[in-house]
Protein backbone atom coordinates (compact mmCIF):
# COMPACT_ATOMS: atom_id res chain seq x y z
CA MET A 1 -20.16 -22.72 14.70
CA SER A 2 -20.46 -25.25 17.52
CA SER A 3 -22.96 -24.84 20.39
CA GLN A 4 -21.92 -22.30 22.99
CA LEU A 5 -20.09 -23.36 26.14
CA ASP A 6 -19.03 -21.48 29.26
CA LEU A 7 -15.32 -21.25 30.11
CA GLU A 8 -14.17 -21.41 33.72
CA PHE A 9 -10.84 -21.12 35.55
CA ILE A 10 -10.67 -22.88 38.92
CA SER A 11 -7.63 -21.91 41.03
CA LEU A 12 -5.60 -21.95 37.81
CA THR A 13 -1.89 -21.80 38.67
CA LYS A 14 1.36 -21.73 36.71
CA ARG A 15 4.78 -22.06 38.34
CA TYR A 16 8.18 -21.86 36.68
CA GLY A 17 10.43 -23.35 39.35
CA GLU A 18 10.26 -20.97 42.32
CA VAL A 19 8.39 -18.28 40.36
CA THR A 20 4.57 -18.23 40.39
CA ALA A 21 3.44 -16.67 37.09
CA VAL A 22 -0.29 -17.26 37.63
CA ASP A 23 -1.51 -17.60 41.22
CA ALA A 24 -4.76 -19.55 41.80
CA VAL A 25 -6.86 -17.54 39.36
CA SER A 26 -10.61 -18.29 39.33
CA TYR A 27 -13.14 -16.76 36.94
CA HIS A 28 -16.26 -17.75 35.00
CA PHE A 29 -16.79 -16.53 31.41
CA GLU A 30 -20.29 -16.95 30.02
CA ALA A 31 -20.54 -18.37 26.50
CA GLY A 32 -20.43 -15.78 23.75
CA THR A 33 -18.52 -13.19 25.80
CA TYR A 34 -15.79 -10.94 24.41
CA ALA A 35 -13.40 -10.75 27.37
CA CYS A 36 -10.04 -9.00 27.69
CA LEU A 37 -7.29 -10.08 30.07
CA LEU A 38 -5.67 -6.74 30.77
CA GLY A 39 -2.52 -5.90 32.71
CA PRO A 40 1.12 -4.83 32.55
CA SER A 41 3.89 -7.01 31.11
CA GLY A 42 4.71 -9.94 33.37
CA CYS A 43 1.36 -9.97 35.22
CA GLY A 44 0.48 -13.53 34.07
CA LYS A 45 -2.11 -12.81 31.36
CA SER A 46 -0.28 -14.54 28.47
CA SER A 47 0.63 -17.55 30.65
CA THR A 48 -3.08 -17.84 31.55
CA LEU A 49 -4.07 -17.78 27.87
CA ARG A 50 -1.41 -20.33 26.95
CA MET A 51 -2.65 -22.71 29.68
CA VAL A 52 -6.17 -22.47 28.22
CA ALA A 53 -4.78 -23.22 24.75
CA GLY A 54 -2.66 -26.15 25.94
CA HIS A 55 0.62 -24.51 24.94
CA GLU A 56 1.66 -24.28 28.59
CA THR A 57 1.18 -27.00 31.21
CA VAL A 58 -1.10 -26.33 34.18
CA SER A 59 0.80 -26.52 37.50
CA SER A 60 -2.43 -26.85 39.53
CA GLY A 61 -6.11 -25.97 39.28
CA SER A 62 -8.14 -26.48 36.13
CA VAL A 63 -9.69 -25.05 32.97
CA LEU A 64 -13.28 -26.15 32.29
CA LEU A 65 -15.08 -25.71 28.97
CA GLY A 66 -18.79 -26.53 29.16
CA GLY A 67 -18.10 -28.21 32.51
CA ARG A 68 -15.50 -30.54 30.95
CA ASP A 69 -11.96 -30.41 32.33
CA ILE A 70 -9.71 -29.66 29.34
CA SER A 71 -6.57 -28.84 31.39
CA TYR A 72 -4.57 -31.85 30.22
CA LEU A 73 -5.95 -32.45 26.73
CA PRO A 74 -3.78 -31.81 23.66
CA PRO A 75 -4.48 -28.39 22.04
CA ALA A 76 -6.40 -29.87 19.07
CA LYS A 77 -8.84 -31.72 21.37
CA ARG A 78 -9.83 -28.76 23.57
CA GLY A 79 -12.37 -26.84 21.50
CA THR A 80 -10.12 -23.76 21.60
CA ALA A 81 -8.01 -22.09 18.92
CA MET A 82 -5.15 -19.64 19.42
CA MET A 83 -4.14 -16.69 17.31
CA PHE A 84 -0.53 -15.81 18.04
CA GLN A 85 1.00 -12.36 18.38
CA ASN A 86 3.40 -12.92 15.45
CA TYR A 87 0.68 -14.70 13.36
CA ALA A 88 3.07 -17.72 12.84
CA LEU A 89 2.09 -18.28 9.19
CA PHE A 90 4.06 -20.82 7.14
CA PRO A 91 6.11 -18.66 4.72
CA HIS A 92 6.29 -21.27 1.93
CA LEU A 93 2.55 -22.10 1.88
CA SER A 94 -0.13 -20.17 0.03
CA VAL A 95 -2.75 -18.26 2.02
CA ALA A 96 -5.34 -20.98 1.29
CA ASP A 97 -2.95 -23.76 2.39
CA ASN A 98 -2.06 -21.85 5.57
CA VAL A 99 -5.75 -21.54 6.46
CA ALA A 100 -6.49 -25.19 5.60
CA PHE A 101 -3.41 -26.60 7.39
CA SER A 102 -5.25 -28.00 10.44
CA LEU A 103 -7.78 -29.74 8.15
CA LYS A 104 -4.89 -31.36 6.24
CA MET A 105 -3.48 -32.63 9.55
CA LYS A 106 -6.90 -34.14 10.30
CA GLY A 107 -6.86 -35.95 6.93
CA GLU A 108 -9.65 -33.97 5.22
CA ASP A 109 -9.69 -34.32 1.41
CA ALA A 110 -8.37 -31.52 -0.84
CA THR A 111 -11.82 -30.48 -2.15
CA THR A 112 -13.22 -30.03 1.38
CA ARG A 113 -10.09 -28.16 2.46
CA THR A 114 -10.25 -25.76 -0.48
CA HIS A 115 -13.96 -25.11 0.05
CA ARG A 116 -13.65 -24.49 3.82
CA ALA A 117 -10.54 -22.29 3.41
CA GLY A 118 -12.44 -20.24 0.81
CA GLU A 119 -15.37 -19.76 3.24
CA MET A 120 -13.05 -18.63 6.03
CA LEU A 121 -11.15 -16.22 3.76
CA GLU A 122 -14.47 -14.66 2.66
CA LEU A 123 -15.41 -14.25 6.32
CA VAL A 124 -12.30 -12.13 6.96
CA ASP A 125 -12.50 -10.24 3.62
CA MET A 126 -9.48 -12.04 2.12
CA GLY A 127 -11.26 -14.06 -0.59
CA GLY A 128 -9.12 -12.68 -3.41
CA PHE A 129 -5.79 -13.56 -1.79
CA ALA A 130 -5.94 -17.37 -1.63
CA ASP A 131 -3.00 -17.97 -3.98
CA ARG A 132 -0.56 -15.46 -2.47
CA ILE A 133 2.17 -16.32 0.02
CA PRO A 134 2.48 -14.46 3.38
CA ALA A 135 5.44 -12.32 2.18
CA GLN A 136 3.11 -10.74 -0.40
CA LEU A 137 0.69 -9.54 2.27
CA SER A 138 0.63 -6.50 4.55
CA GLY A 139 0.62 -6.93 8.35
CA GLY A 140 -3.14 -6.40 8.50
CA GLN A 141 -3.73 -8.97 5.74
CA GLN A 142 -1.47 -11.52 7.46
CA GLN A 143 -3.47 -10.98 10.61
CA ARG A 144 -6.73 -11.75 8.81
CA VAL A 145 -5.21 -14.96 7.42
CA ALA A 146 -4.10 -15.99 10.92
CA LEU A 147 -7.64 -15.30 12.13
CA ALA A 148 -9.15 -17.43 9.35
CA ARG A 149 -6.72 -20.25 10.16
CA ALA A 150 -7.76 -20.18 13.83
CA LEU A 151 -11.49 -20.08 13.02
CA ILE A 152 -11.47 -22.97 10.50
CA THR A 153 -11.26 -25.46 13.39
CA GLU A 154 -14.69 -24.18 14.59
CA PRO A 155 -13.51 -23.45 18.14
CA GLN A 156 -15.88 -22.73 21.00
CA VAL A 157 -13.30 -20.27 22.36
CA LEU A 158 -10.92 -18.14 20.30
CA LEU A 159 -7.78 -17.08 22.18
CA LEU A 160 -6.00 -13.92 20.97
CA ASP A 161 -2.56 -13.02 22.31
CA GLU A 162 -1.86 -9.28 21.77
CA PRO A 163 -3.30 -9.62 18.25
CA LEU A 164 -3.12 -5.92 17.34
CA SER A 165 0.29 -4.99 18.77
CA ALA A 166 2.17 -5.24 15.45
CA LEU A 167 -0.23 -2.97 13.55
CA ASP A 168 -0.01 0.78 13.03
CA PRO A 169 -2.52 2.87 15.06
CA PHE A 170 -4.92 3.50 12.16
CA LEU A 171 -5.09 -0.19 11.18
CA ARG A 172 -5.37 -1.20 14.84
CA ILE A 173 -8.63 0.76 15.16
CA ARG A 174 -9.98 -0.77 11.94
CA MET A 175 -9.10 -4.30 13.10
CA ARG A 176 -10.76 -3.67 16.48
CA ALA A 177 -14.04 -3.08 14.65
CA GLU A 178 -13.39 -6.19 12.54
CA LEU A 179 -12.76 -8.41 15.59
CA LYS A 180 -15.91 -7.13 17.31
CA ARG A 181 -17.97 -7.77 14.14
CA LEU A 182 -16.59 -11.32 13.79
CA GLN A 183 -17.22 -12.16 17.42
CA ARG A 184 -20.84 -10.98 17.19
CA GLU A 185 -21.35 -12.82 13.90
CA LEU A 186 -19.88 -16.12 15.14
CA GLY A 187 -21.33 -15.88 18.66
CA ILE A 188 -18.36 -17.68 20.21
CA THR A 189 -16.27 -16.62 23.22
CA PHE A 190 -13.21 -14.47 22.50
CA ILE A 191 -10.51 -14.20 25.18
CA HIS A 192 -8.14 -11.41 24.17
CA VAL A 193 -4.89 -10.57 25.97
CA THR A 194 -3.73 -6.95 25.84
CA HIS A 195 -1.85 -4.35 27.86
CA GLY A 196 -3.73 -1.57 26.03
CA GLN A 197 -6.51 0.02 28.09
CA ASP A 198 -8.11 1.65 25.00
CA GLU A 199 -8.18 -1.70 23.22
CA ALA A 200 -9.82 -3.47 26.17
CA LEU A 201 -12.42 -0.73 26.67
CA ALA A 202 -13.25 -0.63 22.94
CA LEU A 203 -13.65 -4.40 22.54
CA ALA A 204 -14.58 -6.17 25.73
CA ASP A 205 -17.93 -7.01 27.31
CA GLU A 206 -15.90 -8.04 30.35
CA ILE A 207 -12.47 -7.02 31.59
CA VAL A 208 -10.21 -9.14 33.82
CA VAL A 209 -7.49 -6.85 35.22
CA MET A 210 -4.42 -8.84 36.29
CA ASN A 211 -1.53 -7.71 38.46
CA ASP A 212 1.28 -9.72 40.07
CA ALA A 213 -0.08 -13.11 38.89
CA LYS A 214 -3.55 -12.52 40.38
CA ILE A 215 -6.88 -11.04 39.28
CA GLU A 216 -7.03 -7.54 40.74
CA GLN A 217 -10.61 -6.90 39.58
CA ALA A 218 -12.97 -8.37 36.99
CA GLY A 219 -16.47 -7.79 35.71
CA LYS A 220 -18.51 -5.92 33.11
CA THR A 221 -16.26 -3.41 31.35
CA ARG A 222 -18.18 -0.30 32.32
CA ASP A 223 -18.54 -1.42 35.96
CA VAL A 224 -14.78 -1.96 36.31
CA PHE A 225 -14.03 1.37 34.63
CA GLU A 226 -16.59 3.37 36.61
CA THR A 227 -15.90 1.78 40.00
CA PRO A 228 -12.27 0.63 40.28
CA LYS A 229 -11.74 -1.15 43.60
CA THR A 230 -8.02 -0.57 44.00
CA ALA A 231 -5.53 2.19 43.27
CA PHE A 232 -3.82 -0.13 40.77
CA VAL A 233 -7.00 -0.64 38.71
CA ALA A 234 -7.90 3.07 38.84
CA ARG A 235 -4.44 4.03 37.57
CA PHE A 236 -4.04 1.22 35.07
CA LEU A 237 -7.37 1.80 33.35
CA GLY A 238 -6.32 5.42 32.93
CA SER A 239 -8.44 8.56 33.16
CA HIS A 240 -8.70 8.25 36.96
CA ASN A 241 -6.76 10.22 39.52
CA VAL A 242 -5.92 8.41 42.75
CA ILE A 243 -5.94 11.03 45.50
CA ALA A 244 -5.00 10.46 49.15
CA LEU A 245 -7.26 12.73 51.21
CA PRO A 246 -7.28 13.03 55.03
CA GLU A 247 -10.49 10.93 55.06
CA GLY A 248 -9.05 8.21 52.82
CA LYS A 249 -8.00 7.33 49.27
CA VAL A 250 -10.39 8.10 46.40
CA ALA A 251 -10.47 7.74 42.63
CA VAL A 252 -11.77 10.71 40.64
CA ARG A 253 -12.06 10.65 36.86
CA ALA A 254 -9.94 13.26 35.10
CA ASP A 255 -12.97 14.54 33.19
CA ALA A 256 -14.84 15.10 36.49
CA LEU A 257 -12.26 17.60 37.79
CA THR A 258 -13.04 21.29 37.31
CA LEU A 259 -10.82 24.35 37.80
CA LYS A 260 -11.71 27.24 40.08
CA ALA A 261 -10.00 29.86 42.23
CA PRO A 262 -7.75 28.22 44.85
CA ASP A 263 -9.83 29.59 47.77
CA GLY A 264 -12.70 27.29 48.65
CA ALA A 265 -11.68 24.47 46.26
CA LYS A 266 -11.33 20.89 47.54
CA LEU A 267 -7.65 20.90 46.47
CA GLN A 268 -5.07 23.56 45.75
CA GLY A 269 -2.27 22.90 43.30
CA LYS A 270 0.31 24.33 40.95
CA ILE A 271 0.17 23.60 37.21
CA THR A 272 3.09 21.39 36.10
CA ASN A 273 2.02 20.39 32.58
CA ILE A 274 -0.46 21.43 29.90
CA GLU A 275 -1.00 19.08 26.96
CA TYR A 276 -3.23 19.94 24.03
CA GLN A 277 -5.02 16.80 22.77
CA GLY A 278 -7.28 18.20 20.07
CA THR A 279 -10.77 17.93 21.54
CA HIS A 280 -9.37 18.17 25.08
CA VAL A 281 -6.61 19.75 27.10
CA ALA A 282 -4.95 17.63 29.81
CA LEU A 283 -3.81 19.86 32.65
CA THR A 284 -1.61 18.32 35.36
CA ALA A 285 -1.14 19.95 38.77
CA ALA A 286 1.05 19.13 41.77
CA ILE A 287 -0.98 18.97 44.99
CA ILE A 288 -0.31 18.36 48.67
CA GLY A 289 1.74 15.29 49.58
CA GLU A 290 3.80 15.35 46.37
CA GLN A 291 0.81 13.99 44.46
CA GLU A 292 -0.07 14.86 40.89
CA VAL A 293 -3.58 15.02 39.44
CA THR A 294 -4.76 15.50 35.87
CA ALA A 295 -7.88 17.37 34.81
CA LEU A 296 -9.25 16.73 31.33
CA LEU A 297 -10.88 19.95 30.12
CA SER A 298 -12.73 20.59 26.87
CA ASP A 299 -10.70 22.83 24.55
CA LYS A 300 -13.53 25.38 24.83
CA ASP A 301 -13.30 25.49 28.65
CA PHE A 302 -9.51 25.73 28.67
CA PHE A 303 -9.07 28.34 25.96
CA GLY A 304 -12.01 30.34 27.33
CA ASP A 305 -9.91 30.84 30.48
CA PRO A 306 -6.33 29.75 29.65
CA LYS A 307 -3.81 28.88 32.37
CA ASP A 308 0.00 28.96 32.47
CA LEU A 309 2.64 26.58 33.83
CA GLY A 310 3.41 27.37 37.47
CA GLU A 311 0.04 29.03 38.05
CA ALA A 312 -1.82 28.30 41.31
CA VAL A 313 -5.17 26.65 40.71
CA GLY A 314 -8.08 25.16 42.66
CA LEU A 315 -9.43 21.72 41.73
CA ASP A 316 -12.97 20.64 42.49
CA TRP A 317 -15.41 17.83 41.74
CA ASP A 318 -18.97 16.83 42.57
CA ASN A 319 -19.08 14.62 45.65
CA GLU A 320 -20.63 11.70 43.72
CA ALA A 321 -17.69 11.79 41.27
CA ALA A 322 -15.25 10.60 44.00
CA HIS A 323 -15.19 6.84 44.35
CA ALA A 324 -13.71 5.42 47.58
CA LEU A 325 -11.08 2.74 47.00
CA THR A 326 -11.72 -0.35 49.10
CA ALA A 327 -8.16 -1.68 48.89
């Protein structure tokens, strides 16, 4: 693959008429990073990705790759490649011809195209499928072909728009491992758009959490998860409770909450839901101020001292487990 280059957004903005879809977003991705743009539908993450790819015009600001402004270059001249959510394979072309399509457009000869397509298909474990057409493939196989087609252009940055959303849960987990393996093997930057917290946590070295067209928080995955800065990030990443206390708002991880007798506990509540999750039991309680909190208990802890719906309960945590929210 080509030498590694950093990717940078400088006040990157996208407007559709009066609506601002991406609002002056700035961030620096080091070369070779697996980064996830994470956020709810409509937060601007896909528009951001499409501006990087050149499939959406930049309203203002810029996208730099290796210090070079690529904001207004045609997609094929940027050093990026995009893998679309629906894979967008040509139904009438064989797998090999789908993968080699961009090389054909560049005027490469048939022998070179066949050889390079074969290499790419081997890379994604699809070597034996070169002569099939997309309709003869499963969703997971089509996805691998789309991946090979994106990688044949030797991009410095691979852009993935919700690449796992069409797969069943079991295959999704398998393909997560496959994407991570490929990214490590190739050493290039992957920018992956998702609204799935589990997916982002499993894959990303860095997470960029977007909300309302802006970056809400970004950084190393574990740092963002452990120390969310805002109530939105704490809630969106899951497994955190956002609790308004007299002294201010805090985030407390669900697995840091413990149950005790109501007297002397930091919070008193009434159990509103109990959900068995195999290795864990998620217990939700209503607390003061019409708030709800969830405690994640090991099945051993819960069934050693089971609780019932409607039961009064005390909730406690170690002081260092509460993380003050700055915004």
